[in-house]
Amino acid sequence: MGCDCVRLVPQVEAVKPARGILGALALIVCASVAVGAPQDTAKDACAPVRAAYQKTLKESNSSNAKNAGTVNVAAAYDAITSEPGHKETCKYLRDETLSGESVNVYSDVFTSKSGTADGTVWISKKDGWTLKQEVDVDLGAQGKGHQSIVFEYPKK
């Protein structure tokens, strides 16, 4: 992150339930599809990530988000993902265990003229839900921010 890290002013808040976060997640899914992102799961590394986001929108009943930085991460995400011509790239990173659950970990990166949103997503192997998301946004001169979200689901 370089020297800009010392300029970040922490602004931590918990959001429960986080309708704004889930709304931003909906925008990301819709923006990815609207710009003609490939939907062939065999060729599209983002397909499992989008599928998990869609499942999360339908089934998560709350989330807990923590934010830090000089920009509103949800608003920055909105600006980056709603900009015409933005690009999304995803990559499978590793298998891991999160809170006792087996997960696949993916990177999910959006780039646009406005800036970048560099995310990591933990997806349940059992249910296909997004269990956790970490994202760093960079809007250049406007600032940077970090958001960590833990999603909660109804007990089965």
N, C-alpha and C. Protein backbone atom coordinates (compact mmCIF):
# COMPACT_ATOMS: atom_id res chain seq x y z
N MET A 1 0.80 -1.19 0.00
CA MET A 1 0.00 0.00 0.00
C MET A 1 0.85 1.26 0.00
N GLY A 2 2.09 1.17 0.39
CA GLY A 2 2.97 2.32 0.33
C GLY A 2 2.69 3.33 1.42
N CYS A 3 3.14 4.55 1.23
CA CYS A 3 3.04 5.61 2.23
C CYS A 3 1.63 6.09 2.48
N ASP A 4 0.70 5.86 1.56
CA ASP A 4 -0.67 6.33 1.73
C ASP A 4 -1.36 5.68 2.92
N CYS A 5 -0.84 4.55 3.40
CA CYS A 5 -1.48 3.84 4.51
C CYS A 5 -1.57 4.71 5.76
N VAL A 6 -0.55 5.53 6.01
CA VAL A 6 -0.56 6.34 7.23
C VAL A 6 -1.60 7.45 7.17
N ARG A 7 -2.12 7.77 5.99
CA ARG A 7 -3.12 8.83 5.85
C ARG A 7 -4.54 8.32 6.09
N LEU A 8 -4.72 7.00 6.15
CA LEU A 8 -6.05 6.44 6.33
C LEU A 8 -6.55 6.74 7.73
N VAL A 9 -7.75 7.27 7.81
CA VAL A 9 -8.37 7.58 9.09
C VAL A 9 -9.43 6.52 9.34
N PRO A 10 -9.23 5.65 10.34
CA PRO A 10 -10.21 4.58 10.56
C PRO A 10 -11.59 5.14 10.89
N GLN A 11 -12.57 4.60 10.22
CA GLN A 11 -13.97 4.94 10.47
C GLN A 11 -14.70 3.61 10.57
N VAL A 12 -14.70 3.01 11.73
CA VAL A 12 -15.24 1.66 11.90
C VAL A 12 -16.69 1.75 12.35
N GLU A 13 -17.52 0.93 11.68
CA GLU A 13 -18.91 0.86 12.07
C GLU A 13 -19.42 -0.54 11.85
N ALA A 14 -20.34 -0.99 12.67
CA ALA A 14 -20.96 -2.29 12.49
C ALA A 14 -22.33 -2.06 11.88
N VAL A 15 -22.71 -2.88 10.94
CA VAL A 15 -23.99 -2.74 10.26
C VAL A 15 -24.74 -4.04 10.43
N LYS A 16 -25.92 -4.00 11.04
CA LYS A 16 -26.69 -5.20 11.30
C LYS A 16 -28.16 -4.85 11.34
N PRO A 17 -29.03 -5.32 10.49
CA PRO A 17 -28.69 -5.98 9.24
C PRO A 17 -28.17 -4.96 8.24
N ALA A 18 -27.42 -5.39 7.29
CA ALA A 18 -26.74 -4.48 6.38
C ALA A 18 -27.44 -4.42 5.04
N ARG A 19 -28.56 -3.76 4.97
CA ARG A 19 -29.27 -3.66 3.69
C ARG A 19 -28.44 -2.91 2.67
N GLY A 20 -27.68 -1.90 3.09
CA GLY A 20 -26.83 -1.16 2.18
C GLY A 20 -25.76 -2.04 1.58
N ILE A 21 -25.19 -2.92 2.37
CA ILE A 21 -24.16 -3.84 1.88
C ILE A 21 -24.77 -4.83 0.90
N LEU A 22 -25.91 -5.38 1.26
CA LEU A 22 -26.57 -6.33 0.36
C LEU A 22 -27.02 -5.64 -0.91
N GLY A 23 -27.41 -4.37 -0.80
CA GLY A 23 -27.78 -3.59 -1.99
C GLY A 23 -26.58 -3.40 -2.90
N ALA A 24 -25.42 -3.11 -2.29
CA ALA A 24 -24.19 -2.96 -3.08
C ALA A 24 -23.83 -4.28 -3.74
N LEU A 25 -24.03 -5.38 -3.01
CA LEU A 25 -23.77 -6.70 -3.57
C LEU A 25 -24.69 -6.97 -4.76
N ALA A 26 -25.94 -6.56 -4.65
CA ALA A 26 -26.88 -6.72 -5.77
C ALA A 26 -26.42 -5.92 -6.98
N LEU A 27 -25.94 -4.70 -6.74
CA LEU A 27 -25.45 -3.86 -7.82
C LEU A 27 -24.26 -4.51 -8.52
N ILE A 28 -23.37 -5.12 -7.75
CA ILE A 28 -22.20 -5.78 -8.33
C ILE A 28 -22.63 -6.92 -9.24
N VAL A 29 -23.55 -7.75 -8.77
CA VAL A 29 -24.03 -8.87 -9.57
C VAL A 29 -24.70 -8.36 -10.83
N CYS A 30 -25.58 -7.37 -10.68
CA CYS A 30 -26.29 -6.84 -11.85
C CYS A 30 -25.35 -6.16 -12.83
N ALA A 31 -24.40 -5.39 -12.32
CA ALA A 31 -23.45 -4.70 -13.20
C ALA A 31 -22.60 -5.69 -13.96
N SER A 32 -22.21 -6.78 -13.32
CA SER A 32 -21.39 -7.79 -13.99
C SER A 32 -22.15 -8.43 -15.15
N VAL A 33 -23.42 -8.70 -14.91
CA VAL A 33 -24.23 -9.32 -15.95
C VAL A 33 -24.59 -8.32 -17.04
N ALA A 34 -24.89 -7.08 -16.65
CA ALA A 34 -25.34 -6.07 -17.61
C ALA A 34 -24.30 -5.70 -18.64
N VAL A 35 -23.03 -5.76 -18.29
CA VAL A 35 -22.01 -5.36 -19.25
C VAL A 35 -21.62 -6.51 -20.17
N GLY A 36 -22.38 -7.58 -20.11
CA GLY A 36 -22.13 -8.69 -21.02
C GLY A 36 -21.00 -9.59 -20.55
N ALA A 37 -20.79 -9.67 -19.25
CA ALA A 37 -19.77 -10.58 -18.74
C ALA A 37 -20.13 -12.00 -19.13
N PRO A 38 -19.15 -12.80 -19.51
CA PRO A 38 -19.42 -14.17 -19.94
C PRO A 38 -20.11 -14.96 -18.85
N GLN A 39 -21.05 -15.79 -19.22
CA GLN A 39 -21.77 -16.58 -18.25
C GLN A 39 -21.46 -18.07 -18.36
N ASP A 40 -20.56 -18.48 -19.22
CA ASP A 40 -20.17 -19.88 -19.36
C ASP A 40 -19.29 -20.27 -18.18
N THR A 41 -19.85 -21.09 -17.26
CA THR A 41 -19.13 -21.41 -16.04
C THR A 41 -17.82 -22.14 -16.31
N ALA A 42 -17.69 -22.86 -17.40
CA ALA A 42 -16.45 -23.56 -17.70
C ALA A 42 -15.34 -22.58 -18.07
N LYS A 43 -15.69 -21.44 -18.62
CA LYS A 43 -14.69 -20.48 -19.08
C LYS A 43 -14.59 -19.24 -18.21
N ASP A 44 -15.57 -18.99 -17.37
CA ASP A 44 -15.65 -17.75 -16.62
C ASP A 44 -15.25 -17.97 -15.16
N ALA A 45 -14.09 -17.48 -14.77
CA ALA A 45 -13.60 -17.64 -13.41
C ALA A 45 -14.48 -16.90 -12.40
N CYS A 46 -15.26 -15.91 -12.85
CA CYS A 46 -16.12 -15.16 -11.95
C CYS A 46 -17.48 -15.83 -11.72
N ALA A 47 -17.81 -16.85 -12.49
CA ALA A 47 -19.12 -17.49 -12.36
C ALA A 47 -19.39 -18.01 -10.94
N PRO A 48 -18.45 -18.71 -10.29
CA PRO A 48 -18.73 -19.17 -8.93
C PRO A 48 -18.91 -18.02 -7.94
N VAL A 49 -18.19 -16.94 -8.16
CA VAL A 49 -18.30 -15.77 -7.28
C VAL A 49 -19.66 -15.12 -7.46
N ARG A 50 -20.08 -14.91 -8.70
CA ARG A 50 -21.40 -14.32 -8.96
C ARG A 50 -22.52 -15.19 -8.43
N ALA A 51 -22.38 -16.51 -8.61
CA ALA A 51 -23.40 -17.44 -8.11
C ALA A 51 -23.51 -17.34 -6.58
N ALA A 52 -22.38 -17.23 -5.91
CA ALA A 52 -22.39 -17.10 -4.45
C ALA A 52 -23.02 -15.77 -4.04
N TYR A 53 -22.69 -14.68 -4.74
CA TYR A 53 -23.30 -13.38 -4.44
C TYR A 53 -24.83 -13.46 -4.60
N GLN A 54 -25.29 -14.09 -5.68
CA GLN A 54 -26.73 -14.19 -5.92
C GLN A 54 -27.40 -15.00 -4.82
N LYS A 55 -26.76 -16.09 -4.41
CA LYS A 55 -27.31 -16.92 -3.35
C LYS A 55 -27.34 -16.14 -2.03
N THR A 56 -26.32 -15.35 -1.79
CA THR A 56 -26.24 -14.54 -0.59
C THR A 56 -27.39 -13.53 -0.55
N LEU A 57 -27.66 -12.89 -1.69
CA LEU A 57 -28.76 -11.92 -1.76
C LEU A 57 -30.09 -12.56 -1.40
N LYS A 58 -30.28 -13.82 -1.80
CA LYS A 58 -31.54 -14.51 -1.54
C LYS A 58 -31.65 -15.05 -0.12
N GLU A 59 -30.51 -15.46 0.47
CA GLU A 59 -30.60 -16.24 1.69
C GLU A 59 -29.97 -15.62 2.94
N SER A 60 -29.11 -14.63 2.82
CA SER A 60 -28.49 -14.03 4.01
C SER A 60 -29.51 -13.17 4.73
N ASN A 61 -29.57 -13.32 6.04
CA ASN A 61 -30.53 -12.51 6.79
C ASN A 61 -29.86 -11.33 7.49
N SER A 62 -28.54 -11.30 7.54
CA SER A 62 -27.85 -10.15 8.09
C SER A 62 -26.35 -10.26 7.81
N SER A 63 -25.66 -9.19 8.10
CA SER A 63 -24.21 -9.21 7.94
C SER A 63 -23.61 -8.21 8.91
N ASN A 64 -22.34 -8.35 9.12
CA ASN A 64 -21.62 -7.44 10.00
C ASN A 64 -20.46 -6.89 9.20
N ALA A 65 -20.42 -5.59 9.02
CA ALA A 65 -19.36 -4.95 8.22
C ALA A 65 -18.54 -4.02 9.07
N LYS A 66 -17.25 -4.01 8.80
CA LYS A 66 -16.33 -3.06 9.43
C LYS A 66 -15.63 -2.33 8.31
N ASN A 67 -15.58 -1.00 8.43
CA ASN A 67 -15.00 -0.14 7.40
C ASN A 67 -13.86 0.67 7.98
N ALA A 68 -12.86 0.92 7.15
CA ALA A 68 -11.76 1.80 7.52
C ALA A 68 -11.32 2.54 6.27
N GLY A 69 -10.78 3.72 6.45
CA GLY A 69 -10.24 4.47 5.32
C GLY A 69 -10.87 5.83 5.17
N THR A 70 -10.48 6.49 4.09
CA THR A 70 -10.93 7.86 3.86
C THR A 70 -12.13 7.95 2.94
N VAL A 71 -12.58 6.83 2.36
CA VAL A 71 -13.74 6.84 1.48
C VAL A 71 -14.79 5.86 1.98
N ASN A 72 -16.04 6.12 1.63
CA ASN A 72 -17.14 5.21 1.91
C ASN A 72 -17.00 4.04 0.93
N VAL A 73 -16.70 2.87 1.44
CA VAL A 73 -16.39 1.72 0.58
C VAL A 73 -17.60 1.32 -0.26
N ALA A 74 -18.80 1.31 0.32
CA ALA A 74 -20.00 0.94 -0.44
C ALA A 74 -20.23 1.92 -1.59
N ALA A 75 -20.06 3.21 -1.34
CA ALA A 75 -20.24 4.21 -2.39
C ALA A 75 -19.15 4.08 -3.46
N ALA A 76 -17.92 3.81 -3.03
CA ALA A 76 -16.82 3.63 -3.98
C ALA A 76 -17.05 2.40 -4.85
N TYR A 77 -17.50 1.31 -4.23
CA TYR A 77 -17.83 0.08 -4.96
C TYR A 77 -18.90 0.36 -6.01
N ASP A 78 -19.92 1.13 -5.59
CA ASP A 78 -21.00 1.52 -6.50
C ASP A 78 -20.45 2.31 -7.68
N ALA A 79 -19.58 3.28 -7.41
CA ALA A 79 -19.01 4.11 -8.48
C ALA A 79 -18.19 3.26 -9.46
N ILE A 80 -17.40 2.36 -8.92
CA ILE A 80 -16.52 1.53 -9.76
C ILE A 80 -17.32 0.54 -10.60
N THR A 81 -18.28 -0.16 -9.96
CA THR A 81 -19.01 -1.23 -10.66
C THR A 81 -20.14 -0.74 -11.54
N SER A 82 -20.59 0.50 -11.35
CA SER A 82 -21.67 1.00 -12.20
C SER A 82 -21.14 1.80 -13.39
N GLU A 83 -19.86 2.05 -13.42
CA GLU A 83 -19.27 2.82 -14.51
C GLU A 83 -19.24 1.99 -15.80
N PRO A 84 -19.75 2.52 -16.89
CA PRO A 84 -19.70 1.79 -18.16
C PRO A 84 -18.25 1.42 -18.50
N GLY A 85 -18.08 0.19 -18.94
CA GLY A 85 -16.76 -0.28 -19.35
C GLY A 85 -15.91 -0.82 -18.22
N HIS A 86 -16.46 -0.92 -17.01
CA HIS A 86 -15.66 -1.50 -15.93
C HIS A 86 -15.34 -2.96 -16.25
N LYS A 87 -14.31 -3.47 -15.64
CA LYS A 87 -13.89 -4.85 -15.89
C LYS A 87 -13.82 -5.61 -14.58
N GLU A 88 -14.31 -6.84 -14.58
CA GLU A 88 -14.22 -7.72 -13.43
C GLU A 88 -13.34 -8.91 -13.77
N THR A 89 -12.40 -9.22 -12.89
CA THR A 89 -11.58 -10.43 -13.06
C THR A 89 -11.58 -11.20 -11.74
N CYS A 90 -11.65 -12.50 -11.86
CA CYS A 90 -11.66 -13.36 -10.69
C CYS A 90 -10.62 -14.46 -10.86
N LYS A 91 -10.19 -14.99 -9.72
CA LYS A 91 -9.22 -16.07 -9.75
C LYS A 91 -9.41 -16.92 -8.51
N TYR A 92 -9.45 -18.24 -8.71
CA TYR A 92 -9.48 -19.15 -7.57
C TYR A 92 -8.13 -19.05 -6.87
N LEU A 93 -8.11 -18.87 -5.56
CA LEU A 93 -6.86 -18.72 -4.81
C LEU A 93 -6.45 -19.98 -4.05
N ARG A 94 -7.41 -20.54 -3.27
CA ARG A 94 -7.06 -21.68 -2.42
C ARG A 94 -8.29 -22.25 -1.73
N ASP A 95 -8.11 -23.41 -1.12
CA ASP A 95 -9.09 -23.98 -0.21
C ASP A 95 -8.66 -23.58 1.20
N GLU A 96 -9.65 -23.45 2.08
CA GLU A 96 -9.37 -22.99 3.43
C GLU A 96 -10.51 -23.44 4.33
N THR A 97 -10.32 -23.30 5.63
CA THR A 97 -11.39 -23.53 6.59
C THR A 97 -11.68 -22.20 7.27
N LEU A 98 -12.96 -21.82 7.33
CA LEU A 98 -13.39 -20.58 7.96
C LEU A 98 -14.47 -20.91 8.97
N SER A 99 -14.22 -20.64 10.22
CA SER A 99 -15.17 -20.94 11.30
C SER A 99 -15.62 -22.40 11.25
N GLY A 100 -14.69 -23.28 10.97
CA GLY A 100 -14.98 -24.71 10.93
C GLY A 100 -15.61 -25.20 9.64
N GLU A 101 -15.80 -24.33 8.68
CA GLU A 101 -16.44 -24.71 7.41
C GLU A 101 -15.43 -24.67 6.26
N SER A 102 -15.50 -25.65 5.42
CA SER A 102 -14.62 -25.74 4.26
C SER A 102 -15.07 -24.73 3.20
N VAL A 103 -14.12 -23.91 2.71
CA VAL A 103 -14.45 -22.85 1.76
C VAL A 103 -13.47 -22.82 0.60
N ASN A 104 -13.94 -22.26 -0.52
CA ASN A 104 -13.08 -21.88 -1.64
C ASN A 104 -12.85 -20.38 -1.51
N VAL A 105 -11.63 -19.95 -1.74
CA VAL A 105 -11.30 -18.53 -1.65
C VAL A 105 -10.97 -18.02 -3.05
N TYR A 106 -11.61 -16.92 -3.43
CA TYR A 106 -11.43 -16.31 -4.75
C TYR A 106 -11.01 -14.85 -4.61
N SER A 107 -10.26 -14.36 -5.58
CA SER A 107 -10.08 -12.92 -5.70
C SER A 107 -11.18 -12.43 -6.65
N ASP A 108 -11.66 -11.22 -6.42
CA ASP A 108 -12.70 -10.60 -7.25
C ASP A 108 -12.32 -9.13 -7.38
N VAL A 109 -11.79 -8.76 -8.55
CA VAL A 109 -11.24 -7.43 -8.74
C VAL A 109 -12.02 -6.69 -9.82
N PHE A 110 -12.46 -5.47 -9.48
CA PHE A 110 -13.13 -4.59 -10.43
C PHE A 110 -12.21 -3.41 -10.72
N THR A 111 -12.10 -3.06 -11.99
CA THR A 111 -11.32 -1.88 -12.38
C THR A 111 -12.18 -1.01 -13.30
N SER A 112 -12.02 0.30 -13.15
CA SER A 112 -12.71 1.26 -14.00
C SER A 112 -11.89 2.54 -14.00
N LYS A 113 -12.36 3.53 -14.74
CA LYS A 113 -11.68 4.82 -14.75
C LYS A 113 -11.73 5.47 -13.37
N SER A 114 -12.77 5.16 -12.59
CA SER A 114 -12.93 5.74 -11.25
C SER A 114 -11.92 5.19 -10.26
N GLY A 115 -11.55 3.92 -10.41
CA GLY A 115 -10.64 3.30 -9.46
C GLY A 115 -10.70 1.80 -9.50
N THR A 116 -10.22 1.18 -8.42
CA THR A 116 -10.20 -0.28 -8.33
C THR A 116 -10.84 -0.73 -7.02
N ALA A 117 -11.44 -1.90 -7.08
CA ALA A 117 -11.96 -2.59 -5.90
C ALA A 117 -11.35 -3.98 -5.94
N ASP A 118 -10.45 -4.25 -5.02
CA ASP A 118 -9.70 -5.50 -4.98
C ASP A 118 -10.24 -6.34 -3.82
N GLY A 119 -11.01 -7.38 -4.16
CA GLY A 119 -11.68 -8.16 -3.13
C GLY A 119 -11.21 -9.59 -3.02
N THR A 120 -11.45 -10.16 -1.85
CA THR A 120 -11.26 -11.58 -1.59
C THR A 120 -12.58 -12.09 -1.04
N VAL A 121 -13.03 -13.24 -1.55
CA VAL A 121 -14.33 -13.79 -1.20
C VAL A 121 -14.17 -15.23 -0.72
N TRP A 122 -14.77 -15.56 0.43
CA TRP A 122 -14.76 -16.91 0.97
C TRP A 122 -16.14 -17.51 0.72
N ILE A 123 -16.18 -18.61 -0.04
CA ILE A 123 -17.44 -19.24 -0.45
C ILE A 123 -17.54 -20.63 0.15
N SER A 124 -18.65 -20.89 0.83
CA SER A 124 -18.90 -22.19 1.44
C SER A 124 -18.95 -23.28 0.38
N LYS A 125 -18.18 -24.35 0.59
CA LYS A 125 -18.24 -25.50 -0.32
C LYS A 125 -19.56 -26.25 -0.12
N LYS A 126 -20.08 -26.23 1.09
CA LYS A 126 -21.31 -26.97 1.42
C LYS A 126 -22.56 -26.31 0.84
N ASP A 127 -22.71 -24.99 1.05
CA ASP A 127 -23.94 -24.28 0.68
C ASP A 127 -23.80 -23.32 -0.48
N GLY A 128 -22.57 -22.97 -0.88
CA GLY A 128 -22.37 -22.02 -1.96
C GLY A 128 -22.60 -20.57 -1.56
N TRP A 129 -22.68 -20.31 -0.26
CA TRP A 129 -22.91 -18.97 0.25
C TRP A 129 -21.60 -18.20 0.36
N THR A 130 -21.68 -16.89 0.22
CA THR A 130 -20.56 -16.02 0.55
C THR A 130 -20.55 -15.92 2.07
N LEU A 131 -19.47 -16.39 2.69
CA LEU A 131 -19.38 -16.33 4.15
C LEU A 131 -18.65 -15.07 4.61
N LYS A 132 -17.69 -14.63 3.78
CA LYS A 132 -16.90 -13.46 4.15
C LYS A 132 -16.41 -12.78 2.89
N GLN A 133 -16.27 -11.46 2.97
CA GLN A 133 -15.72 -10.69 1.86
C GLN A 133 -14.85 -9.57 2.43
N GLU A 134 -13.66 -9.44 1.88
CA GLU A 134 -12.75 -8.34 2.22
C GLU A 134 -12.52 -7.57 0.93
N VAL A 135 -12.58 -6.26 0.99
CA VAL A 135 -12.35 -5.46 -0.22
C VAL A 135 -11.57 -4.20 0.12
N ASP A 136 -10.61 -3.90 -0.73
CA ASP A 136 -9.87 -2.64 -0.66
C ASP A 136 -10.22 -1.84 -1.90
N VAL A 137 -10.68 -0.61 -1.69
CA VAL A 137 -11.00 0.27 -2.82
C VAL A 137 -9.97 1.39 -2.88
N ASP A 138 -9.67 1.80 -4.10
CA ASP A 138 -8.72 2.89 -4.34
C ASP A 138 -9.32 3.80 -5.40
N LEU A 139 -9.65 5.02 -4.98
CA LEU A 139 -10.22 6.01 -5.90
C LEU A 139 -9.20 7.10 -6.22
N GLY A 140 -7.92 6.75 -6.17
CA GLY A 140 -6.87 7.71 -6.50
C GLY A 140 -6.84 8.85 -5.50
N ALA A 141 -6.91 10.08 -6.00
CA ALA A 141 -6.81 11.27 -5.16
C ALA A 141 -7.97 11.38 -4.15
N GLN A 142 -9.11 10.71 -4.44
CA GLN A 142 -10.24 10.76 -3.52
C GLN A 142 -10.01 9.93 -2.27
N GLY A 143 -9.12 8.94 -2.35
CA GLY A 143 -8.79 8.16 -1.17
C GLY A 143 -8.97 6.66 -1.34
N LYS A 144 -8.71 5.98 -0.24
CA LYS A 144 -8.78 4.52 -0.19
C LYS A 144 -9.66 4.10 0.98
N GLY A 145 -10.12 2.85 0.90
CA GLY A 145 -10.90 2.31 1.99
C GLY A 145 -10.82 0.79 2.03
N HIS A 146 -11.16 0.24 3.17
CA HIS A 146 -11.19 -1.22 3.35
C HIS A 146 -12.50 -1.59 4.03
N GLN A 147 -13.06 -2.70 3.58
CA GLN A 147 -14.29 -3.20 4.20
C GLN A 147 -14.16 -4.70 4.40
N SER A 148 -14.58 -5.16 5.55
CA SER A 148 -14.63 -6.58 5.88
C SER A 148 -16.07 -6.91 6.24
N ILE A 149 -16.66 -7.89 5.56
CA ILE A 149 -18.05 -8.26 5.79
C ILE A 149 -18.12 -9.74 6.13
N VAL A 150 -18.84 -10.07 7.20
CA VAL A 150 -19.15 -11.46 7.55
C VAL A 150 -20.66 -11.59 7.39
N PHE A 151 -21.08 -12.53 6.55
CA PHE A 151 -22.49 -12.74 6.28
C PHE A 151 -23.05 -13.83 7.20
N GLU A 152 -24.31 -13.65 7.60
CA GLU A 152 -25.00 -14.60 8.46
C GLU A 152 -26.20 -15.16 7.73
N TYR A 153 -26.51 -16.42 8.04
CA TYR A 153 -27.60 -17.12 7.36
C TYR A 153 -28.49 -17.79 8.40
N PRO A 154 -29.75 -18.02 8.03
CA PRO A 154 -30.65 -18.73 8.95
C PRO A 154 -30.11 -20.13 9.21
N LYS A 155 -30.33 -20.60 10.43
CA LYS A 155 -29.94 -21.98 10.78
C LYS A 155 -30.84 -22.95 10.04
N LYS A 156 -30.23 -24.02 9.55
CA LYS A 156 -31.02 -25.04 8.82
C LYS A 156 -31.55 -26.08 9.78
